[in-house]
Protein backbone atom coordinates (compact mmCIF):
# COMPACT_ATOMS: atom_id res chain seq x y z
CA MET A 1 20.00 24.55 1.56
CA LYS A 2 19.88 24.24 -2.03
CA ILE A 3 20.05 20.36 -4.68
CA VAL A 4 23.72 20.60 -6.14
CA ASP A 5 23.21 17.76 -8.11
CA VAL A 6 21.00 14.69 -9.13
CA ILE A 7 22.18 11.08 -9.08
CA ALA A 8 20.88 7.51 -9.47
CA SER A 9 21.33 3.77 -8.85
CA PRO A 10 19.57 0.84 -10.28
CA GLY A 11 18.13 -1.57 -7.27
CA LEU A 12 15.92 -4.15 -6.25
CA THR A 13 12.75 -4.00 -4.86
CA GLY A 14 10.93 -6.61 -1.78
CA PHE A 15 9.42 -8.40 -3.78
CA TYR A 16 8.80 -9.53 -7.45
CA PHE A 17 6.52 -8.16 -10.59
CA ASP A 18 3.55 -10.53 -11.33
CA ASP A 19 1.57 -11.13 -14.49
CA GLN A 20 -1.81 -10.56 -12.81
CA LYS A 21 -3.63 -11.53 -16.05
CA ALA A 22 -1.90 -14.33 -16.33
CA ILE A 23 -2.16 -15.87 -12.52
CA LYS A 24 -6.18 -15.22 -13.11
CA ALA A 25 -5.74 -17.22 -16.02
CA GLY A 26 -4.48 -19.93 -14.78
CA ALA A 27 -0.69 -20.14 -14.88
CA ALA A 28 0.22 -22.49 -12.17
CA HIS A 29 2.91 -22.32 -9.54
CA ASP A 30 6.42 -24.27 -10.39
CA GLY A 31 8.49 -23.99 -7.16
CA PHE A 32 8.37 -19.93 -6.21
CA THR A 33 7.52 -19.08 -10.40
CA TYR A 34 4.87 -20.06 -12.31
CA ASN A 35 4.35 -21.55 -15.41
CA GLY A 36 2.47 -20.44 -18.62
CA GLU A 37 2.72 -17.17 -21.26
CA PRO A 38 2.61 -13.97 -19.77
CA LYS A 39 -0.49 -11.44 -20.89
CA THR A 40 0.29 -8.25 -19.67
CA PRO A 41 2.21 -6.13 -21.84
CA GLY A 42 6.16 -5.82 -21.15
CA PHE A 43 6.23 -8.80 -19.21
CA LYS A 44 9.02 -11.26 -20.06
CA ALA A 45 7.55 -13.86 -17.68
CA VAL A 46 4.50 -14.60 -15.58
CA ARG A 47 6.84 -13.44 -12.65
CA GLN A 48 9.90 -11.95 -12.88
CA ARG A 49 12.46 -9.40 -10.76
CA GLY A 50 11.02 -6.19 -9.16
CA GLU A 51 13.51 -3.53 -10.06
CA SER A 52 13.59 0.19 -8.15
CA ILE A 53 15.65 3.08 -8.69
CA SER A 54 17.05 5.23 -6.21
CA VAL A 55 17.08 8.85 -6.79
CA ILE A 56 19.59 10.79 -4.55
CA LEU A 57 19.97 14.79 -4.13
CA ILE A 58 23.41 16.05 -3.34
CA LEU A 59 22.58 18.82 -1.18
CA LYS A 60 24.67 21.96 -0.82
CA ASP A 61 26.17 21.02 2.28
CA GLY A 62 27.43 17.43 1.60
CA GLN A 63 24.19 15.76 2.93
CA VAL A 64 22.49 13.11 0.85
CA ALA A 65 18.74 12.28 0.23
CA SER A 66 17.12 9.92 -1.77
CA GLY A 67 13.95 8.10 -2.24
CA ASP A 68 12.93 5.12 -3.99
CA CYS A 69 11.14 4.63 -7.22
CA ALA A 70 9.29 1.40 -7.47
CA ALA A 71 5.82 0.20 -8.58
CA VAL A 72 3.18 -2.52 -7.45
CA GLN A 73 3.78 -6.07 -7.56
CA TYR A 74 1.06 -6.30 -10.36
CA SER A 75 2.35 -3.82 -12.65
CA GLY A 76 0.10 -3.44 -15.85
CA ALA A 77 -3.39 -4.59 -14.03
CA GLY A 78 -6.19 -2.63 -13.24
CA GLY A 79 -5.30 0.70 -15.39
CA ARG A 80 -1.89 0.94 -13.58
CA ASP A 81 1.29 2.53 -15.57
CA PRO A 82 3.32 -0.32 -17.09
CA LEU A 83 6.04 -2.35 -16.07
CA PHE A 84 8.80 -0.56 -14.35
CA LEU A 85 12.66 -1.44 -14.66
CA ALA A 86 15.31 0.41 -14.16
CA LYS A 87 17.27 0.26 -17.45
CA ASP A 88 14.37 1.79 -19.02
CA PHE A 89 14.22 4.73 -16.83
CA ILE A 90 17.20 5.81 -15.22
CA PRO A 91 18.13 8.01 -18.77
CA ILE A 92 14.61 9.61 -18.39
CA ILE A 93 15.63 10.76 -15.05
CA MET A 94 18.90 11.93 -15.29
CA GLU A 95 18.21 13.55 -19.10
CA GLU A 96 14.77 14.61 -18.43
CA ILE A 97 14.03 15.27 -14.50
CA ALA A 98 17.23 16.24 -12.74
CA PRO A 99 18.31 19.33 -14.65
CA LYS A 100 14.75 20.61 -13.27
CA LEU A 101 16.11 19.85 -9.65
CA VAL A 102 19.68 20.96 -9.28
CA GLY A 103 19.93 24.37 -8.48
CA GLN A 104 16.25 24.16 -6.39
CA GLU A 105 16.10 25.37 -2.79
CA LEU A 106 14.97 22.73 -0.18
CA ASP A 107 12.35 25.26 1.16
CA SER A 108 9.18 23.76 1.18
CA PHE A 109 8.54 20.09 0.50
CA ARG A 110 4.91 21.08 -1.04
CA ARG A 111 6.56 23.27 -3.40
CA LEU A 112 8.63 21.33 -4.76
CA VAL A 113 6.58 18.11 -5.39
CA GLY A 114 4.34 20.31 -6.70
CA LEU A 115 7.01 21.28 -9.53
CA ALA A 116 8.03 17.41 -9.92
CA GLU A 117 4.53 16.47 -10.41
CA SER A 118 3.64 18.85 -13.03
CA LEU A 119 6.51 17.77 -14.98
CA ILE A 120 5.68 16.59 -18.69
CA ARG A 121 7.79 14.14 -20.87
CA PRO A 122 8.96 15.73 -24.20
CA ASN A 123 5.71 13.46 -25.79
CA GLY A 124 3.43 14.88 -23.68
CA ASP A 125 2.63 12.58 -21.30
CA ARG A 126 3.08 12.32 -17.37
CA TYR A 127 6.38 10.26 -15.86
CA HIS A 128 5.63 6.72 -14.85
CA THR A 129 3.84 7.25 -11.33
CA ALA A 130 7.18 5.15 -9.90
CA ILE A 131 9.05 7.93 -11.13
CA ARG A 132 7.30 10.40 -9.19
CA TYR A 133 6.92 8.49 -6.30
CA GLY A 134 10.70 8.22 -6.11
CA VAL A 135 10.69 11.81 -6.64
CA SER A 136 8.98 13.04 -4.36
CA GLN A 137 10.46 10.69 -1.53
CA ALA A 138 14.04 12.41 -2.10
CA ILE A 139 12.29 15.92 -2.13
CA LEU A 140 10.99 15.03 1.58
CA ASP A 141 14.22 13.24 2.66
CA GLY A 142 16.07 16.74 1.43
CA VAL A 143 13.46 19.09 2.82
CA ALA A 144 13.71 17.00 6.46
CA LYS A 145 17.43 16.98 5.85
CA ALA A 146 17.31 20.85 5.47
CA LYS A 147 15.47 21.91 8.28
CA LYS A 148 16.96 19.31 10.71
CA LYS A 149 13.56 17.96 11.45
CA THR A 150 11.77 14.34 10.80
CA MET A 151 9.32 13.77 7.71
CA THR A 152 6.40 13.44 9.98
CA GLU A 153 7.15 17.27 11.34
CA VAL A 154 7.94 18.26 8.07
CA ILE A 155 4.15 16.88 6.85
CA LEU A 156 2.92 18.19 10.01
CA GLU A 157 3.76 21.70 9.41
CA GLU A 158 3.49 22.05 5.85
CA TYR A 159 -0.23 20.31 5.83
CA LYS A 160 -1.06 22.06 9.17
CA LEU A 161 -1.99 18.75 10.88
CA PRO A 162 -1.96 18.09 14.88
CA LEU A 163 0.76 15.40 16.50
CA VAL A 164 -0.42 12.50 17.61
CA LEU A 165 1.93 10.53 19.52
CA GLU A 166 0.28 6.75 18.98
CA PRO A 167 1.62 4.50 16.58
CA VAL A 168 -0.66 3.40 13.67
CA PRO A 169 -1.99 0.13 13.12
CA ILE A 170 0.36 -2.32 11.12
CA PHE A 171 -1.27 -4.62 8.39
CA THR A 172 1.13 -7.68 7.79
CA GLN A 173 0.51 -9.47 4.86
CA THR A 174 1.40 -13.49 4.45
CA GLY A 175 1.50 -13.60 0.49
CA ASP A 176 0.66 -17.37 -0.52
CA ASP A 177 2.57 -19.13 2.59
CA ARG A 178 -0.99 -18.00 4.39
CA TYR A 179 -0.45 -20.47 7.26
CA ASP A 180 3.48 -20.32 8.46
CA ASN A 181 3.47 -16.07 8.17
CA ALA A 182 0.13 -15.77 9.56
CA ASP A 183 1.57 -17.48 12.77
CA LYS A 184 4.61 -15.10 12.62
CA ALA A 185 2.29 -12.01 12.15
CA ILE A 186 0.43 -13.26 15.67
CA ILE A 187 3.53 -13.92 17.41
CA LYS A 188 4.46 -10.40 16.23
CA ARG A 189 1.12 -9.24 17.48
CA ALA A 190 0.09 -7.38 13.83
CA GLY A 191 -2.59 -4.70 14.48
CA VAL A 192 -4.47 -6.19 11.02
CA LEU A 193 -3.61 -9.54 9.28
CA PRO A 194 -3.18 -11.57 6.80
CA HIS A 195 -4.07 -10.31 3.16
CA ALA A 196 -3.50 -13.83 2.42
CA LEU A 197 -3.66 -13.28 -1.69
CA ILE A 198 -6.59 -15.05 -2.47
CA ASN A 199 -5.94 -14.62 -6.29
CA ASN A 200 -7.13 -17.66 -8.26
CA VAL A 201 -10.97 -19.14 -7.76
CA ASP A 202 -9.79 -22.73 -8.05
CA THR A 203 -6.82 -23.21 -5.66
CA LYS A 204 -7.56 -20.36 -2.97
CA LEU A 205 -10.94 -18.93 -2.85
CA GLY A 206 -12.74 -22.26 -3.96
CA LYS A 207 -15.76 -22.49 -6.82
CA ASN A 208 -18.00 -21.52 -3.76
CA GLY A 209 -16.08 -19.70 -1.74
CA GLU A 210 -15.43 -23.26 0.53
CA LEU A 211 -11.42 -23.02 0.83
CA LEU A 212 -11.35 -19.00 1.88
CA LEU A 213 -14.54 -19.83 4.77
CA ASP A 214 -11.77 -23.09 5.93
CA TYR A 215 -8.93 -20.67 5.82
CA VAL A 216 -10.91 -17.88 7.68
CA GLU A 217 -12.38 -20.12 10.42
CA TRP A 218 -8.82 -21.86 10.83
CA LEU A 219 -7.06 -17.91 11.10
CA LYS A 220 -9.84 -16.91 13.67
CA ASN A 221 -9.02 -20.31 15.97
CA ARG A 222 -5.37 -19.67 15.58
CA ILE A 223 -5.39 -16.20 16.60
CA LEU A 224 -7.21 -16.77 19.75
CA THR A 225 -5.50 -20.14 20.72
CA LEU A 226 -1.98 -18.72 19.70
CA GLY A 227 -2.28 -14.51 20.71
CA GLY A 228 -3.79 -15.03 24.08
CA ASP A 229 -6.12 -13.44 25.99
CA GLY A 230 -6.42 -9.11 24.76
CA TYR A 231 -5.32 -9.91 20.87
CA ARG A 232 -8.16 -9.11 18.99
CA PRO A 233 -6.32 -8.07 15.23
CA VAL A 234 -8.91 -6.78 12.33
CA LEU A 235 -8.48 -9.71 10.04
CA HIS A 236 -8.53 -8.31 6.14
CA ILE A 237 -8.31 -10.28 3.17
CA ASP A 238 -7.47 -9.11 -0.03
CA VAL A 239 -9.21 -11.34 -2.92
CA TYR A 240 -8.73 -9.92 -6.25
CA GLY A 241 -12.36 -10.04 -7.44
CA THR A 242 -12.17 -13.78 -6.85
CA ILE A 243 -15.71 -13.44 -4.82
CA GLY A 244 -17.17 -11.61 -7.75
CA ILE A 245 -15.89 -14.24 -10.57
CA ALA A 246 -17.09 -17.35 -8.31
CA PHE A 247 -20.89 -15.77 -7.77
CA GLU A 248 -20.92 -14.05 -11.26
CA ASP A 249 -21.40 -10.89 -9.55
CA SER A 250 -24.48 -11.64 -8.03
CA THR A 251 -24.96 -9.18 -5.42
CA GLU A 252 -27.08 -11.41 -3.48
CA ARG A 253 -25.08 -14.44 -3.88
CA MET A 254 -22.21 -12.57 -2.49
CA VAL A 255 -24.32 -11.34 0.54
CA ASP A 256 -24.88 -14.52 1.26
CA TYR A 257 -21.36 -15.94 1.23
CA PHE A 258 -20.30 -12.35 3.37
CA ALA A 259 -22.73 -13.28 5.91
CA LYS A 260 -20.82 -16.84 5.76
CA LEU A 261 -17.57 -15.44 6.22
CA GLU A 262 -18.71 -12.82 9.02
CA LYS A 263 -19.75 -15.88 11.24
CA ALA A 264 -15.98 -17.89 10.41
CA ALA A 265 -14.20 -14.44 11.24
CA ALA A 266 -16.36 -13.55 14.80
CA PRO A 267 -15.36 -12.29 16.99
CA LEU A 268 -12.91 -10.70 15.15
CA HIS A 269 -13.69 -8.08 12.63
CA LEU A 270 -13.26 -8.38 8.80
CA ARG A 271 -12.40 -6.73 5.77
CA ILE A 272 -12.60 -7.75 2.18
CA GLU A 273 -10.82 -5.68 -0.15
CA GLY A 274 -11.21 -6.44 -3.71
CA PRO A 275 -14.26 -8.36 -4.12
CA MET A 276 -14.94 -8.18 -7.87
CA ASP A 277 -13.24 -6.50 -10.60
CA ALA A 278 -15.53 -4.68 -13.02
CA GLY A 279 -13.65 -3.67 -15.10
CA SER A 280 -13.44 0.02 -14.88
CA VAL A 281 -13.22 3.04 -12.54
CA GLU A 282 -17.16 3.95 -13.02
CA GLY A 283 -17.91 0.11 -12.86
CA GLN A 284 -16.23 -0.83 -9.61
CA ILE A 285 -17.80 1.76 -8.02
CA GLU A 286 -21.53 1.13 -9.08
CA GLN A 287 -20.96 -2.60 -8.18
CA LEU A 288 -18.91 -2.06 -4.88
CA LYS A 289 -21.45 0.50 -3.89
CA SER A 290 -24.28 -1.90 -4.82
CA LEU A 291 -22.79 -4.64 -2.39
CA ARG A 292 -21.91 -2.32 0.28
CA GLU A 293 -25.58 -1.29 0.41
CA ALA A 294 -26.91 -4.76 0.22
CA LEU A 295 -24.51 -5.58 3.38
CA LYS A 296 -26.11 -2.62 5.15
CA ALA A 297 -29.42 -3.60 4.80
CA LYS A 298 -28.91 -7.20 5.96
CA ASP A 299 -26.71 -5.76 8.87
CA ILE A 300 -23.72 -7.35 7.74
CA LYS A 301 -20.45 -5.73 9.37
CA VAL A 302 -18.19 -7.28 6.93
CA GLU A 303 -16.31 -3.93 5.76
CA ILE A 304 -15.48 -3.29 1.95
CA VAL A 305 -11.64 -2.18 0.81
CA ALA A 306 -11.52 -0.56 -2.67
CA ASP A 307 -8.37 -1.56 -4.66
CA GLU A 308 -8.81 -2.17 -8.15
CA TRP A 309 -9.59 0.90 -10.46
CA CYS A 310 -8.95 3.25 -7.30
CA ASN A 311 -5.26 3.90 -8.17
CA THR A 312 -4.89 7.97 -8.49
CA TYR A 313 -5.67 10.79 -6.10
CA GLU A 314 -8.77 11.54 -8.21
CA ASP A 315 -10.08 7.39 -8.30
CA ILE A 316 -10.04 8.00 -4.97
CA VAL A 317 -11.85 10.76 -4.93
CA LYS A 318 -14.55 9.48 -6.58
CA PHE A 319 -14.65 6.57 -4.12
CA VAL A 320 -15.09 9.06 -0.96
CA ASP A 321 -17.90 10.88 -2.88
CA ALA A 322 -19.98 7.61 -3.97
CA GLN A 323 -19.48 6.20 -0.52
CA ALA A 324 -18.52 3.07 -2.56
CA ALA A 325 -16.22 1.56 -0.05
CA ASP A 326 -16.02 1.35 4.12
CA MET A 327 -12.30 1.57 3.29
CA VAL A 328 -9.70 2.47 0.43
CA GLN A 329 -6.54 1.13 -0.37
CA ILE A 330 -3.98 4.38 -1.07
CA LYS A 331 -1.49 2.37 -2.66
CA THR A 332 1.34 4.56 -2.30
CA PRO A 333 3.19 3.76 -5.98
CA ASP A 334 -0.11 4.48 -7.75
CA LEU A 335 -0.73 7.83 -6.51
CA GLY A 336 2.80 8.78 -7.63
CA GLY A 337 4.33 11.63 -5.75
CA ILE A 338 4.09 10.69 -2.17
CA GLN A 339 1.83 14.13 -1.91
CA ASN A 340 -1.22 12.92 -3.46
CA THR A 341 -1.07 10.01 -0.25
CA ILE A 342 -1.21 12.46 1.87
CA GLU A 343 -3.91 14.30 0.37
CA ALA A 344 -5.66 11.21 -0.41
CA VAL A 345 -5.86 10.12 3.41
CA ILE A 346 -7.16 13.68 4.34
CA TYR A 347 -9.78 13.42 1.79
CA ALA A 348 -11.08 10.18 2.97
CA LYS A 349 -11.30 11.10 6.88
CA LYS A 350 -13.41 14.35 6.01
CA TYR A 351 -15.55 12.09 4.54
CA GLY A 352 -15.86 9.17 6.90
CA VAL A 353 -14.45 6.92 4.64
CA GLY A 354 -11.19 4.82 6.17
CA ALA A 355 -8.13 5.29 4.92
CA TYR A 356 -5.37 2.25 4.13
CA VAL A 357 -1.59 3.67 3.27
CA GLY A 358 -0.80 0.69 1.46
CA GLY A 359 1.23 -0.10 -1.24
CA SER A 360 3.10 -3.06 -2.19
CA CYS A 361 5.33 -6.05 -1.71
CA ASN A 362 7.29 -5.11 -4.49
CA GLU A 363 8.47 -1.89 -2.76
CA THR A 364 11.82 -1.28 -0.95
CA ASP A 365 12.47 -0.51 2.45
CA ALA A 366 12.84 3.41 1.46
CA GLY A 367 9.34 3.45 0.49
CA GLY A 368 8.21 1.63 3.76
CA ARG A 369 10.15 4.18 5.59
CA THR A 370 8.76 7.08 4.16
CA ALA A 371 4.88 6.12 4.43
CA VAL A 372 5.46 5.73 8.45
CA HIS A 373 5.96 9.35 8.20
CA VAL A 374 2.97 9.95 6.05
CA SER A 375 0.64 7.55 8.09
CA LEU A 376 2.05 9.09 11.35
CA ALA A 377 1.30 12.92 10.57
CA THR A 378 -1.91 11.62 8.55
CA ARG A 379 -3.53 9.29 10.70
CA PRO A 380 -4.81 6.45 8.45
CA ASP A 381 -6.71 3.44 10.00
CA GLN A 382 -3.83 1.40 9.18
CA MET A 383 -0.63 1.25 7.18
CA LEU A 384 1.07 -1.67 5.10
CA ALA A 385 4.13 -3.43 6.49
CA LYS A 386 6.32 -3.57 3.69
CA PRO A 387 8.22 -4.65 1.16
CA GLY A 388 8.00 -8.47 0.90
CA MET A 389 6.03 -11.09 1.97
CA GLY A 390 8.46 -12.74 4.20
CA VAL A 391 6.14 -10.56 6.78
CA ASP A 392 9.54 -10.36 9.41
CA GLU A 393 11.32 -8.05 7.34
CA GLY A 394 8.81 -5.71 6.36
CA TYR A 395 7.47 -5.58 9.75
CA MET A 396 10.29 -5.00 11.17
CA ILE A 397 11.39 -1.99 8.48
CA VAL A 398 7.66 0.13 9.41
CA HIS A 399 7.59 -1.06 13.14
CA ASN A 400 11.15 -0.13 13.91
CA GLU A 401 10.73 3.45 11.90
CA MET A 402 7.27 4.13 13.71
CA SER A 403 9.01 3.53 17.30
CA ARG A 404 12.00 5.33 16.36
CA THR A 405 10.03 8.84 14.81
CA LEU A 406 7.66 8.12 18.15
CA THR A 407 10.41 8.27 20.49
CA VAL A 408 12.35 11.18 19.13
CA LEU A 409 8.72 13.23 18.61
CA LYS A 410 8.02 12.81 22.59
CA TYR A 411 11.56 13.36 23.48
CA ARG A 412 10.95 16.80 21.66
CA GLU A 413 7.53 17.37 23.10
CA GLY A 414 9.38 17.03 26.59
CA LYS A 415 8.02 13.24 27.19
CA LYS A 416 11.08 11.11 27.29
CA THR A 417 9.81 7.33 26.87
CA HIS A 418 11.25 3.84 26.49
CA ALA A 419 9.26 1.37 25.03
CA GLU A 420 5.68 1.95 24.20
CA GLU A 421 3.04 -0.72 26.04
CA ALA A 422 1.27 0.51 22.73
CA PHE A 423 2.81 -1.26 20.15
CA TRP A 424 3.00 -4.83 22.17
CA SER A 425 -1.12 -4.74 23.25
């Protein structure tokens, strides 16, 4: 089954591009947008619409396979590739990448994504991570269609992974609406919540961390009250380096604060993502490792999740090798080709570090569904409900794709089932 043509269409994402640097510097909310001047190159406003590109493969038998190029909400921050706008990148895809794909046999996902990942622009640069991300999704979809298999089965077969017929816990993010959207996640019985978007010291964390402490206390009580008996999700909160800012990167002061967070969250387990931003890969590894070791010495069981500066497969290997975090976020668009996410999960698990197939609210439904297949095959500790910040839409996309795929796989294994209790427990 060959690729006979490649076309591309512009699209929108499930959220927006936000200038993280401007927000951290104090850009104030104005309704749903922000006031102030952008500070990251490429941005025309602190918040602007998210854009995507669908890469569409036309197969010899008339089938159509596709994948979506998309970049994260905070593009250009923490060492990431710059802002991704459709009008700038569709010509690059059509003129430089499409000719290399036309005529290719859809016989092997790993072979074809290896080819796509190795392509270099005429100026010697690598292609934007968003392009590599979308092209790899289209290739995975195309190989699955050519072989009449699910994308999960293609990954299992090519990476020689065991089939596990159980769902992966879904992490649901609330965005700034961290109270009402937490209720939605609790009602839907999400396995991990709420993210909470703690990206400003003054308005969200508190100068001494008091605002986040109050929120964790409220969230714990809300879960115990609204969730009922037997519902004990993991709390996972992304603080975007604000704890480091508030406590001046003092490990001792941060450890004392984490002890308070652990007490506020009990009996629920707590993970804190991105406690500080050291400004470089090496600095982040050093500071996270120091904090993690100090927490263990005090028997504080709050887990540390690496995000900023842990962007590429190579970065993830460095963080894992250093044992700098309890969990690494494998932020799918930042890694480029989806094969890098697959290999990053496998690597983290091999060396005893938690794996989180993440991504961004600023992706598309296609990226969310592809991530489900990656997760069902590689078995990370959790995966992100995406795209969007509204809870319902992203959770529905990911949950239903997971449920459908597991039902098909069980059918093929001779285990016909209806809705699984595991999804509702």
